[in-house]
Amino acid sequence: MGDVVQVAVPWVLLAAVLLGVAALGVTALDGALAARAAGRSASVGAQHPLVETARLLRQRRRTTVAADTLLRHVAVGGFVVAPLLMVAVVPLGEWVLADASVGVVWFNAVDVLVWVLVWLAGWGPNAAWSLTGGYRFLAQAMAYELPLMFALTAPAVAAGSLRVGDVAAAQPGLPHVVWMPVAFVVYCTGVLAFSVRGPLSPAGGAAISGGVLAELSGVDRLLVLAGRAGLLVAGAAFAVPLFLGGGSGPLLPGWLWVLVKTALLAAALVVVRRRLPDVRPERFLALGWTVLLPAALLQLLVVSVVVVVRS
């Protein structure tokens, strides 16, 4: 079993700060890449998150007729809370906020909660484009969720445990990504999807005038955008114990290796997001059911056979 220590509740504040700094970092990187693609200075683009934050903090909240204010507030607040719930079960070296025996299932459950949050963000304003964005997200959700679920299952089967610390401890010499590359790719695709970013962001795409983001303004919009970046970081952080060997590595302490691996993977996901075109929901449905799901199941079968042979 992986020996990790569950820390006291006040450490949640440190986790929130680290998550916020990482979310700001990936947003700055995204802004730099966008500015460079448009022929502007990358340094100016990197400052965009701070400029946008200042603008949104001054902006008045937009209201729509007959909006469901309660559901909208639940969605906005949920986008901030969900990433923190995800990283709660990720060991930072030898420390973890919640040493749950079913940590892998917990992460998957919070990922499904994102479905609800995106849908509420679309339903709450009582506006056409927002509702269309919510429906588009639900249309593609199952196409990534089932492959993602089986991609999460593969490392757990290899470790013989659903506890995240045990999964990290089961790869002392050979990270799971080396012999589970398909599961890793499927997992990263799921992270891009549930963070509503890049080629898998039809819920907030320009083709439908911003979708679920269309009627959000001011602090509400700021929190949802921060939550999306936080979900990307949380997904990258969870991949570290599942596929990248956790805190194992030379010279550096385990907690620092977790942060370094998280930062590198999150940056890679941002770069990939910028290089791939948007995928329409109906095309992603076909891709999810005919390619991703069979590939994830085949990867799980291979892992299961290896585990049986070893035992």
C-alpha atoms as a PDB file:
ATOM      1  CA  MET A   1       0.000   0.000   0.000  1.00  0.00           C
ATOM      2  CA  GLY A   2       1.113   3.598  -0.647  1.00  0.00           C
ATOM      3  CA  ASP A   3       2.006   5.288   2.647  1.00  0.00           C
ATOM      4  CA  VAL A   4       0.425   8.749   2.637  1.00  0.00           C
ATOM      5  CA  VAL A   5      -0.571  10.982   5.519  1.00  0.00           C
ATOM      6  CA  GLN A   6      -3.981  12.642   5.583  1.00  0.00           C
ATOM      7  CA  VAL A   7      -3.434  16.267   6.579  1.00  0.00           C
ATOM      8  CA  ALA A   8      -5.664  18.517   8.647  1.00  0.00           C
ATOM      9  CA  VAL A   9      -8.547  20.511   7.186  1.00  0.00           C
ATOM     10  CA  PRO A  10      -6.736  23.915   7.234  1.00  0.00           C
ATOM     11  CA  TRP A  11      -4.384  22.570   4.535  1.00  0.00           C
ATOM     12  CA  VAL A  12      -7.339  22.890   2.168  1.00  0.00           C
ATOM     13  CA  LEU A  13      -6.477  26.594   1.963  1.00  0.00           C
ATOM     14  CA  LEU A  14      -2.982  25.791   0.700  1.00  0.00           C
ATOM     15  CA  ALA A  15      -4.450  23.380  -1.858  1.00  0.00           C
ATOM     16  CA  ALA A  16      -6.839  26.094  -3.036  1.00  0.00           C
ATOM     17  CA  VAL A  17      -3.967  28.584  -3.401  1.00  0.00           C
ATOM     18  CA  LEU A  18      -1.837  26.107  -5.375  1.00  0.00           C
ATOM     19  CA  LEU A  19      -4.801  25.279  -7.604  1.00  0.00           C
ATOM     20  CA  GLY A  20      -5.520  28.968  -8.176  1.00  0.00           C
ATOM     21  CA  VAL A  21      -1.902  29.764  -9.058  1.00  0.00           C
ATOM     22  CA  ALA A  22      -1.749  26.825 -11.462  1.00  0.00           C
ATOM     23  CA  ALA A  23      -5.049  27.863 -13.073  1.00  0.00           C
ATOM     24  CA  LEU A  24      -3.681  31.380 -13.530  1.00  0.00           C
ATOM     25  CA  GLY A  25      -0.531  29.904 -15.071  1.00  0.00           C
ATOM     26  CA  VAL A  26      -2.348  27.817 -17.683  1.00  0.00           C
ATOM     27  CA  THR A  27      -4.599  30.770 -18.512  1.00  0.00           C
ATOM     28  CA  ALA A  28      -1.553  32.992 -18.987  1.00  0.00           C
ATOM     29  CA  LEU A  29       0.056  30.361 -21.227  1.00  0.00           C
ATOM     30  CA  ASP A  30      -3.144  30.104 -23.240  1.00  0.00           C
ATOM     31  CA  GLY A  31      -3.234  33.873 -23.628  1.00  0.00           C
ATOM     32  CA  ALA A  32       0.410  33.958 -24.730  1.00  0.00           C
ATOM     33  CA  LEU A  33      -0.197  31.290 -27.365  1.00  0.00           C
ATOM     34  CA  ALA A  34      -3.317  33.082 -28.616  1.00  0.00           C
ATOM     35  CA  ALA A  35      -1.443  36.389 -28.890  1.00  0.00           C
ATOM     36  CA  ARG A  36       1.452  34.753 -30.709  1.00  0.00           C
ATOM     37  CA  ALA A  37      -0.935  33.107 -33.185  1.00  0.00           C
ATOM     38  CA  ALA A  38      -2.479  36.522 -33.852  1.00  0.00           C
ATOM     39  CA  GLY A  39       0.936  38.093 -34.472  1.00  0.00           C
ATOM     40  CA  ARG A  40       1.063  40.007 -31.190  1.00  0.00           C
ATOM     41  CA  SER A  41       3.592  39.886 -28.376  1.00  0.00           C
ATOM     42  CA  ALA A  42       3.361  36.737 -26.247  1.00  0.00           C
ATOM     43  CA  SER A  43       4.124  38.776 -23.118  1.00  0.00           C
ATOM     44  CA  VAL A  44       1.064  40.938 -23.750  1.00  0.00           C
ATOM     45  CA  GLY A  45      -1.072  37.825 -24.166  1.00  0.00           C
ATOM     46  CA  ALA A  46       0.290  36.368 -20.937  1.00  0.00           C
ATOM     47  CA  GLN A  47      -1.001  39.441 -19.096  1.00  0.00           C
ATOM     48  CA  HIS A  48      -4.494  38.983 -20.517  1.00  0.00           C
ATOM     49  CA  PRO A  49      -5.835  36.970 -17.509  1.00  0.00           C
ATOM     50  CA  LEU A  50      -4.992  39.829 -15.145  1.00  0.00           C
ATOM     51  CA  VAL A  51      -6.492  42.435 -17.480  1.00  0.00           C
ATOM     52  CA  GLU A  52      -9.620  40.340 -17.977  1.00  0.00           C
ATOM     53  CA  THR A  53      -9.955  39.771 -14.226  1.00  0.00           C
ATOM     54  CA  ALA A  54      -9.821  43.508 -13.566  1.00  0.00           C
ATOM     55  CA  ARG A  55     -12.415  44.123 -16.289  1.00  0.00           C
ATOM     56  CA  LEU A  56     -14.841  41.469 -15.045  1.00  0.00           C
ATOM     57  CA  LEU A  57     -14.553  42.623 -11.430  1.00  0.00           C
ATOM     58  CA  ARG A  58     -15.784  46.056 -12.564  1.00  0.00           C
ATOM     59  CA  GLN A  59     -18.488  44.725 -14.875  1.00  0.00           C
ATOM     60  CA  ARG A  60     -22.109  44.645 -13.750  1.00  0.00           C
ATOM     61  CA  ARG A  61     -23.916  41.297 -13.634  1.00  0.00           C
ATOM     62  CA  ARG A  62     -26.149  40.820 -16.669  1.00  0.00           C
ATOM     63  CA  THR A  63     -29.720  39.713 -15.929  1.00  0.00           C
ATOM     64  CA  THR A  64     -32.227  38.017 -18.223  1.00  0.00           C
ATOM     65  CA  VAL A  65     -35.995  37.741 -18.090  1.00  0.00           C
ATOM     66  CA  ALA A  66     -37.338  34.950 -15.841  1.00  0.00           C
ATOM     67  CA  ALA A  67     -33.863  33.612 -15.106  1.00  0.00           C
ATOM     68  CA  ASP A  68     -33.474  30.875 -12.489  1.00  0.00           C
ATOM     69  CA  THR A  69     -31.065  32.747 -10.246  1.00  0.00           C
ATOM     70  CA  LEU A  70     -30.602  29.932  -7.732  1.00  0.00           C
ATOM     71  CA  LEU A  71     -29.549  27.382 -10.357  1.00  0.00           C
ATOM     72  CA  ARG A  72     -27.223  29.883 -11.989  1.00  0.00           C
ATOM     73  CA  HIS A  73     -25.512  30.574  -8.667  1.00  0.00           C
ATOM     74  CA  VAL A  74     -25.193  26.837  -7.973  1.00  0.00           C
ATOM     75  CA  ALA A  75     -23.499  26.369 -11.352  1.00  0.00           C
ATOM     76  CA  VAL A  76     -21.123  29.308 -10.870  1.00  0.00           C
ATOM     77  CA  GLY A  77     -20.114  28.230  -7.375  1.00  0.00           C
ATOM     78  CA  GLY A  78     -19.835  24.605  -8.425  1.00  0.00           C
ATOM     79  CA  PHE A  79     -17.266  25.418 -11.103  1.00  0.00           C
ATOM     80  CA  VAL A  80     -14.962  26.734  -8.373  1.00  0.00           C
ATOM     81  CA  VAL A  81     -15.572  23.893  -5.912  1.00  0.00           C
ATOM     82  CA  ALA A  82     -15.344  20.939  -8.351  1.00  0.00           C
ATOM     83  CA  PRO A  83     -11.583  21.251  -9.098  1.00  0.00           C
ATOM     84  CA  LEU A  84     -10.806  21.370  -5.377  1.00  0.00           C
ATOM     85  CA  LEU A  85     -12.897  18.237  -4.808  1.00  0.00           C
ATOM     86  CA  MET A  86     -10.903  16.491  -7.539  1.00  0.00           C
ATOM     87  CA  VAL A  87      -7.469  17.339  -6.141  1.00  0.00           C
ATOM     88  CA  ALA A  88      -8.545  16.435  -2.600  1.00  0.00           C
ATOM     89  CA  VAL A  89      -7.653  12.792  -3.271  1.00  0.00           C
ATOM     90  CA  VAL A  90      -4.388  13.492  -5.133  1.00  0.00           C
ATOM     91  CA  PRO A  91      -1.308  12.780  -2.965  1.00  0.00           C
ATOM     92  CA  LEU A  92       1.190  15.637  -2.869  1.00  0.00           C
ATOM     93  CA  GLY A  93       4.204  13.484  -2.162  1.00  0.00           C
ATOM     94  CA  GLU A  94       3.352  11.817   1.138  1.00  0.00           C
ATOM     95  CA  TRP A  95       0.472  14.142   2.019  1.00  0.00           C
ATOM     96  CA  VAL A  96      -3.147  14.081   0.882  1.00  0.00           C
ATOM     97  CA  LEU A  97      -6.272  15.988   1.892  1.00  0.00           C
ATOM     98  CA  ALA A  98      -8.603  12.973   1.750  1.00  0.00           C
ATOM     99  CA  ASP A  99      -7.105   9.472   1.749  1.00  0.00           C
ATOM    100  CA  ALA A 100     -10.268   7.861   0.383  1.00  0.00           C
ATOM    101  CA  SER A 101     -10.305   4.111  -0.250  1.00  0.00           C
ATOM    102  CA  VAL A 102     -12.322   4.817  -3.415  1.00  0.00           C
ATOM    103  CA  GLY A 103     -10.405   7.869  -4.616  1.00  0.00           C
ATOM    104  CA  VAL A 104     -10.571   6.865  -8.286  1.00  0.00           C
ATOM    105  CA  VAL A 105     -14.367   6.552  -8.065  1.00  0.00           C
ATOM    106  CA  TRP A 106     -14.526   9.889  -6.238  1.00  0.00           C
ATOM    107  CA  PHE A 107     -12.728  11.651  -9.095  1.00  0.00           C
ATOM    108  CA  ASN A 108     -15.063  10.070 -11.635  1.00  0.00           C
ATOM    109  CA  ALA A 109     -18.095  11.135  -9.594  1.00  0.00           C
ATOM    110  CA  VAL A 110     -16.932  14.765  -9.475  1.00  0.00           C
ATOM    111  CA  ASP A 111     -16.282  14.607 -13.208  1.00  0.00           C
ATOM    112  CA  VAL A 112     -19.920  13.584 -13.725  1.00  0.00           C
ATOM    113  CA  LEU A 113     -20.946  16.460 -11.441  1.00  0.00           C
ATOM    114  CA  VAL A 114     -19.460  18.789 -14.069  1.00  0.00           C
ATOM    115  CA  TRP A 115     -22.239  17.608 -16.392  1.00  0.00           C
ATOM    116  CA  VAL A 116     -24.758  19.067 -13.960  1.00  0.00           C
ATOM    117  CA  LEU A 117     -22.841  22.317 -13.566  1.00  0.00           C
ATOM    118  CA  VAL A 118     -22.582  22.945 -17.311  1.00  0.00           C
ATOM    119  CA  TRP A 119     -26.246  22.113 -17.764  1.00  0.00           C
ATOM    120  CA  LEU A 120     -27.290  24.460 -14.931  1.00  0.00           C
ATOM    121  CA  ALA A 121     -25.093  27.206 -16.377  1.00  0.00           C
ATOM    122  CA  GLY A 122     -27.019  26.769 -19.628  1.00  0.00           C
ATOM    123  CA  TRP A 123     -30.475  26.457 -18.072  1.00  0.00           C
ATOM    124  CA  GLY A 124     -30.224  29.171 -15.415  1.00  0.00           C
ATOM    125  CA  PRO A 125     -30.178  32.320 -17.610  1.00  0.00           C
ATOM    126  CA  ASN A 126     -33.344  31.261 -19.501  1.00  0.00           C
ATOM    127  CA  ALA A 127     -31.721  32.240 -22.804  1.00  0.00           C
ATOM    128  CA  ALA A 128     -31.564  30.447 -26.152  1.00  0.00           C
ATOM    129  CA  TRP A 129     -27.795  30.357 -26.691  1.00  0.00           C
ATOM    130  CA  SER A 130     -27.048  29.328 -23.130  1.00  0.00           C
ATOM    131  CA  LEU A 131     -29.556  26.488 -23.283  1.00  0.00           C
ATOM    132  CA  THR A 132     -28.192  25.373 -26.657  1.00  0.00           C
ATOM    133  CA  GLY A 133     -24.716  25.211 -25.137  1.00  0.00           C
ATOM    134  CA  GLY A 134     -25.977  23.067 -22.273  1.00  0.00           C
ATOM    135  CA  TYR A 135     -27.653  20.632 -24.665  1.00  0.00           C
ATOM    136  CA  ARG A 136     -24.546  20.423 -26.853  1.00  0.00           C
ATOM    137  CA  PHE A 137     -22.405  19.528 -23.865  1.00  0.00           C
ATOM    138  CA  LEU A 138     -24.795  16.761 -22.781  1.00  0.00           C
ATOM    139  CA  ALA A 139     -24.839  15.457 -26.352  1.00  0.00           C
ATOM    140  CA  GLN A 140     -21.101  14.772 -26.279  1.00  0.00           C
ATOM    141  CA  ALA A 141     -20.764  13.968 -22.573  1.00  0.00           C
ATOM    142  CA  MET A 142     -21.528  10.264 -22.753  1.00  0.00           C
ATOM    143  CA  ALA A 143     -19.188   9.873 -25.728  1.00  0.00           C
ATOM    144  CA  TYR A 144     -16.224  10.889 -23.564  1.00  0.00           C
ATOM    145  CA  GLU A 145     -17.462   9.724 -20.151  1.00  0.00           C
ATOM    146  CA  LEU A 146     -17.590   5.972 -20.813  1.00  0.00           C
ATOM    147  CA  PRO A 147     -14.107   5.853 -22.409  1.00  0.00           C
ATOM    148  CA  LEU A 148     -12.819   8.028 -19.549  1.00  0.00           C
ATOM    149  CA  MET A 149     -14.314   5.668 -16.976  1.00  0.00           C
ATOM    150  CA  PHE A 150     -12.539   2.659 -18.491  1.00  0.00           C
ATOM    151  CA  ALA A 151      -9.312   4.674 -18.833  1.00  0.00           C
ATOM    152  CA  LEU A 152      -9.499   5.370 -15.080  1.00  0.00           C
ATOM    153  CA  THR A 153     -10.180   1.700 -14.402  1.00  0.00           C
ATOM    154  CA  ALA A 154      -7.008   0.426 -16.106  1.00  0.00           C
ATOM    155  CA  PRO A 155      -4.475   1.845 -13.577  1.00  0.00           C
ATOM    156  CA  ALA A 156      -6.738   0.801 -10.701  1.00  0.00           C
ATOM    157  CA  VAL A 157      -6.836  -2.786 -12.009  1.00  0.00           C
ATOM    158  CA  ALA A 158      -3.043  -2.798 -12.362  1.00  0.00           C
ATOM    159  CA  ALA A 159      -2.647  -1.604  -8.763  1.00  0.00           C
ATOM    160  CA  GLY A 160      -5.441  -3.785  -7.401  1.00  0.00           C
ATOM    161  CA  SER A 161      -6.887  -0.786  -5.555  1.00  0.00           C
ATOM    162  CA  LEU A 162      -9.123   2.238  -6.002  1.00  0.00           C
ATOM    163  CA  ARG A 163      -7.049   4.228  -3.508  1.00  0.00           C
ATOM    164  CA  VAL A 164      -5.040   6.858  -5.381  1.00  0.00           C
ATOM    165  CA  GLY A 165      -1.997   6.466  -3.121  1.00  0.00           C
ATOM    166  CA  ASP A 166      -1.889   2.729  -3.869  1.00  0.00           C
ATOM    167  CA  VAL A 167      -2.081   3.371  -7.608  1.00  0.00           C
ATOM    168  CA  ALA A 168       0.884   5.774  -7.386  1.00  0.00           C
ATOM    169  CA  ALA A 169       2.878   3.294  -5.257  1.00  0.00           C
ATOM    170  CA  ALA A 170       2.255   0.487  -7.785  1.00  0.00           C
ATOM    171  CA  GLN A 171       4.579   2.117 -10.362  1.00  0.00           C
ATOM    172  CA  PRO A 172       7.971   2.517  -8.620  1.00  0.00           C
ATOM    173  CA  GLY A 173      10.052   1.800 -11.720  1.00  0.00           C
ATOM    174  CA  LEU A 174       7.767   1.813 -14.761  1.00  0.00           C
ATOM    175  CA  PRO A 175       5.037   4.476 -14.944  1.00  0.00           C
ATOM    176  CA  HIS A 176       1.670   3.272 -16.159  1.00  0.00           C
ATOM    177  CA  VAL A 177       1.814   5.647 -19.130  1.00  0.00           C
ATOM    178  CA  VAL A 178       4.557   3.457 -20.663  1.00  0.00           C
ATOM    179  CA  TRP A 179       2.396   0.354 -20.931  1.00  0.00           C
ATOM    180  CA  MET A 180      -1.031   2.055 -20.881  1.00  0.00           C
ATOM    181  CA  PRO A 181      -0.568   4.749 -23.546  1.00  0.00           C
ATOM    182  CA  VAL A 182      -4.081   4.320 -24.951  1.00  0.00           C
ATOM    183  CA  ALA A 183      -5.674   4.780 -21.536  1.00  0.00           C
ATOM    184  CA  PHE A 184      -3.536   7.885 -21.004  1.00  0.00           C
ATOM    185  CA  VAL A 185      -4.576   9.449 -24.326  1.00  0.00           C
ATOM    186  CA  VAL A 186      -8.245   8.663 -23.671  1.00  0.00           C
ATOM    187  CA  TYR A 187      -7.931  10.141 -20.180  1.00  0.00           C
ATOM    188  CA  CYS A 188      -6.383  13.367 -21.500  1.00  0.00           C
ATOM    189  CA  THR A 189      -9.179  13.612 -24.071  1.00  0.00           C
ATOM    190  CA  GLY A 190     -11.666  13.353 -21.218  1.00  0.00           C
ATOM    191  CA  VAL A 191      -9.862  16.123 -19.308  1.00  0.00           C
ATOM    192  CA  LEU A 192     -10.143  18.467 -22.289  1.00  0.00           C
ATOM    193  CA  ALA A 193     -13.818  17.571 -22.552  1.00  0.00           C
ATOM    194  CA  PHE A 194     -14.887  18.063 -18.928  1.00  0.00           C
ATOM    195  CA  SER A 195     -12.872  21.277 -18.655  1.00  0.00           C
ATOM    196  CA  VAL A 196     -14.905  22.551 -21.654  1.00  0.00           C
ATOM    197  CA  ARG A 197     -11.775  23.624 -23.500  1.00  0.00           C
ATOM    198  CA  GLY A 198     -10.170  23.326 -26.886  1.00  0.00           C
ATOM    199  CA  PRO A 199     -11.574  21.083 -29.600  1.00  0.00           C
ATOM    200  CA  LEU A 200     -14.167  19.675 -27.191  1.00  0.00           C
ATOM    201  CA  SER A 201     -15.794  22.930 -26.095  1.00  0.00           C
ATOM    202  CA  PRO A 202     -19.041  23.116 -28.091  1.00  0.00           C
ATOM    203  CA  ALA A 203     -20.878  24.194 -24.941  1.00  0.00           C
ATOM    204  CA  GLY A 204     -19.060  27.531 -24.987  1.00  0.00           C
ATOM    205  CA  GLY A 205     -18.105  27.840 -28.632  1.00  0.00           C
ATOM    206  CA  ALA A 206     -18.211  30.947 -30.796  1.00  0.00           C
ATOM    207  CA  ALA A 207     -20.499  29.122 -33.242  1.00  0.00           C
ATOM    208  CA  ILE A 208     -23.355  29.569 -30.752  1.00  0.00           C
ATOM    209  CA  SER A 209     -22.331  33.018 -29.488  1.00  0.00           C
ATOM    210  CA  GLY A 210     -20.569  31.681 -26.426  1.00  0.00           C
ATOM    211  CA  GLY A 211     -23.139  29.063 -25.443  1.00  0.00           C
ATOM    212  CA  VAL A 212     -23.313  28.630 -21.671  1.00  0.00           C
ATOM    213  CA  LEU A 213     -21.012  31.658 -21.312  1.00  0.00           C
ATOM    214  CA  ALA A 214     -23.204  33.928 -23.446  1.00  0.00           C
ATOM    215  CA  GLU A 215     -25.231  35.467 -20.605  1.00  0.00           C
ATOM    216  CA  LEU A 216     -22.542  35.323 -17.919  1.00  0.00           C
ATOM    217  CA  SER A 217     -20.832  38.567 -16.979  1.00  0.00           C
ATOM    218  CA  GLY A 218     -18.962  40.171 -14.130  1.00  0.00           C
ATOM    219  CA  VAL A 219     -17.913  37.989 -11.211  1.00  0.00           C
ATOM    220  CA  ASP A 220     -20.085  35.103 -12.445  1.00  0.00           C
ATOM    221  CA  ARG A 221     -18.176  34.873 -15.711  1.00  0.00           C
ATOM    222  CA  LEU A 222     -14.843  35.243 -13.909  1.00  0.00           C
ATOM    223  CA  LEU A 223     -15.593  32.336 -11.565  1.00  0.00           C
ATOM    224  CA  VAL A 224     -16.727  30.044 -14.392  1.00  0.00           C
ATOM    225  CA  LEU A 225     -13.636  30.815 -16.474  1.00  0.00           C
ATOM    226  CA  ALA A 226     -11.418  30.248 -13.429  1.00  0.00           C
ATOM    227  CA  GLY A 227     -13.252  26.993 -12.744  1.00  0.00           C
ATOM    228  CA  ARG A 228     -12.639  25.758 -16.281  1.00  0.00           C
ATOM    229  CA  ALA A 229      -8.909  26.399 -15.895  1.00  0.00           C
ATOM    230  CA  GLY A 230      -9.042  24.730 -12.484  1.00  0.00           C
ATOM    231  CA  LEU A 231     -10.664  21.640 -13.953  1.00  0.00           C
ATOM    232  CA  LEU A 232      -7.858  21.363 -16.507  1.00  0.00           C
ATOM    233  CA  VAL A 233      -5.245  21.611 -13.752  1.00  0.00           C
ATOM    234  CA  ALA A 234      -7.119  19.133 -11.544  1.00  0.00           C
ATOM    235  CA  GLY A 235      -7.295  16.662 -14.427  1.00  0.00           C
ATOM    236  CA  ALA A 236      -3.552  17.025 -15.031  1.00  0.00           C
ATOM    237  CA  ALA A 237      -2.855  16.592 -11.305  1.00  0.00           C
ATOM    238  CA  PHE A 238      -4.904  13.395 -11.108  1.00  0.00           C
ATOM    239  CA  ALA A 239      -3.011  11.935 -14.060  1.00  0.00           C
ATOM    240  CA  VAL A 240       0.230  12.158 -12.055  1.00  0.00           C
ATOM    241  CA  PRO A 241      -0.543   9.361  -9.550  1.00  0.00           C
ATOM    242  CA  LEU A 242      -2.556   7.389 -12.102  1.00  0.00           C
ATOM    243  CA  PHE A 243      -0.150   7.342 -15.058  1.00  0.00           C
ATOM    244  CA  LEU A 244       3.036   9.307 -14.322  1.00  0.00           C
ATOM    245  CA  GLY A 245       4.388   7.571 -11.237  1.00  0.00           C
ATOM    246  CA  GLY A 246       3.148  10.036  -8.629  1.00  0.00           C
ATOM    247  CA  GLY A 247       5.981  11.672  -6.713  1.00  0.00           C
ATOM    248  CA  SER A 248       8.665   9.251  -7.885  1.00  0.00           C
ATOM    249  CA  GLY A 249      11.733  10.768  -9.523  1.00  0.00           C
ATOM    250  CA  PRO A 250      15.415  11.558  -8.927  1.00  0.00           C
ATOM    251  CA  LEU A 251      16.874  14.362  -6.795  1.00  0.00           C
ATOM    252  CA  LEU A 252      13.678  16.317  -6.062  1.00  0.00           C
ATOM    253  CA  PRO A 253      11.321  15.560  -3.160  1.00  0.00           C
ATOM    254  CA  GLY A 254       8.094  13.728  -4.001  1.00  0.00           C
ATOM    255  CA  TRP A 255       5.770  16.712  -3.495  1.00  0.00           C
ATOM    256  CA  LEU A 256       7.840  18.808  -5.897  1.00  0.00           C
ATOM    257  CA  TRP A 257       7.809  16.078  -8.543  1.00  0.00           C
ATOM    258  CA  VAL A 258       3.996  16.020  -8.338  1.00  0.00           C
ATOM    259  CA  LEU A 259       3.863  19.781  -8.950  1.00  0.00           C
ATOM    260  CA  VAL A 260       6.386  19.615 -11.810  1.00  0.00           C
ATOM    261  CA  LYS A 261       4.591  16.754 -13.566  1.00  0.00           C
ATOM    262  CA  THR A 262       1.236  18.485 -13.116  1.00  0.00           C
ATOM    263  CA  ALA A 263       2.559  21.735 -14.575  1.00  0.00           C
ATOM    264  CA  LEU A 264       4.149  20.019 -17.578  1.00  0.00           C
ATOM    265  CA  LEU A 265       1.041  18.000 -18.413  1.00  0.00           C
ATOM    266  CA  ALA A 266      -1.272  20.982 -17.972  1.00  0.00           C
ATOM    267  CA  ALA A 267       0.958  23.037 -20.279  1.00  0.00           C
ATOM    268  CA  ALA A 268       0.960  20.221 -22.835  1.00  0.00           C
ATOM    269  CA  LEU A 269      -2.843  20.088 -22.763  1.00  0.00           C
ATOM    270  CA  VAL A 270      -3.019  23.850 -23.346  1.00  0.00           C
ATOM    271  CA  VAL A 271      -0.693  23.550 -26.348  1.00  0.00           C
ATOM    272  CA  VAL A 272      -2.712  20.631 -27.768  1.00  0.00           C
ATOM    273  CA  ARG A 273      -5.897  22.614 -27.238  1.00  0.00           C
ATOM    274  CA  ARG A 274      -4.498  25.398 -29.396  1.00  0.00           C
ATOM    275  CA  ARG A 275      -3.370  23.111 -32.217  1.00  0.00           C
ATOM    276  CA  LEU A 276      -6.510  21.037 -32.726  1.00  0.00           C
ATOM    277  CA  PRO A 277      -9.634  22.316 -34.487  1.00  0.00           C
ATOM    278  CA  ASP A 278     -13.022  22.285 -32.795  1.00  0.00           C
ATOM    279  CA  VAL A 279     -14.963  19.048 -33.180  1.00  0.00           C
ATOM    280  CA  ARG A 280     -18.718  19.169 -33.707  1.00  0.00           C
ATOM    281  CA  PRO A 281     -20.696  17.145 -31.122  1.00  0.00           C
ATOM    282  CA  GLU A 282     -22.116  14.678 -33.649  1.00  0.00           C
ATOM    283  CA  ARG A 283     -18.636  13.908 -35.018  1.00  0.00           C
ATOM    284  CA  PHE A 284     -17.215  13.471 -31.539  1.00  0.00           C
ATOM    285  CA  LEU A 285     -20.086  11.114 -30.727  1.00  0.00           C
ATOM    286  CA  ALA A 286     -19.053   8.905 -33.624  1.00  0.00           C
ATOM    287  CA  LEU A 287     -15.394   9.122 -32.582  1.00  0.00           C
ATOM    288  CA  GLY A 288     -16.204   8.357 -28.954  1.00  0.00           C
ATOM    289  CA  TRP A 289     -18.355   5.302 -29.604  1.00  0.00           C
ATOM    290  CA  THR A 290     -16.404   3.779 -32.503  1.00  0.00           C
ATOM    291  CA  VAL A 291     -12.796   4.622 -31.569  1.00  0.00           C
ATOM    292  CA  LEU A 292     -12.261   5.822 -27.992  1.00  0.00           C
ATOM    293  CA  LEU A 293     -14.548   3.327 -26.240  1.00  0.00           C
ATOM    294  CA  PRO A 294     -13.255   0.201 -28.059  1.00  0.00           C
ATOM    295  CA  ALA A 295      -9.655   1.407 -27.586  1.00  0.00           C
ATOM    296  CA  ALA A 296     -10.175   1.976 -23.856  1.00  0.00           C
ATOM    297  CA  LEU A 297     -11.805  -1.447 -23.462  1.00  0.00           C
ATOM    298  CA  LEU A 298      -8.973  -3.119 -25.359  1.00  0.00           C
ATOM    299  CA  GLN A 299      -6.437  -1.350 -23.138  1.00  0.00           C
ATOM    300  CA  LEU A 300      -8.302  -2.522 -20.044  1.00  0.00           C
ATOM    301  CA  LEU A 301      -8.345  -6.086 -21.388  1.00  0.00           C
ATOM    302  CA  VAL A 302      -4.573  -6.000 -21.954  1.00  0.00           C
ATOM    303  CA  VAL A 303      -3.978  -4.678 -18.425  1.00  0.00           C
ATOM    304  CA  SER A 304      -6.253  -7.334 -16.937  1.00  0.00           C
ATOM    305  CA  VAL A 305      -4.436 -10.112 -18.785  1.00  0.00           C
ATOM    306  CA  VAL A 306      -1.059  -8.791 -17.602  1.00  0.00           C
ATOM    307  CA  VAL A 307      -2.292  -8.674 -14.006  1.00  0.00           C
ATOM    308  CA  VAL A 308      -3.618 -12.241 -14.192  1.00  0.00           C
ATOM    309  CA  VAL A 309      -0.374 -13.535 -15.743  1.00  0.00           C
ATOM    310  CA  ARG A 310       1.725 -11.799 -13.083  1.00  0.00           C
ATOM    311  CA  SER A 311      -0.359 -13.251 -10.287  1.00  0.00           C
END
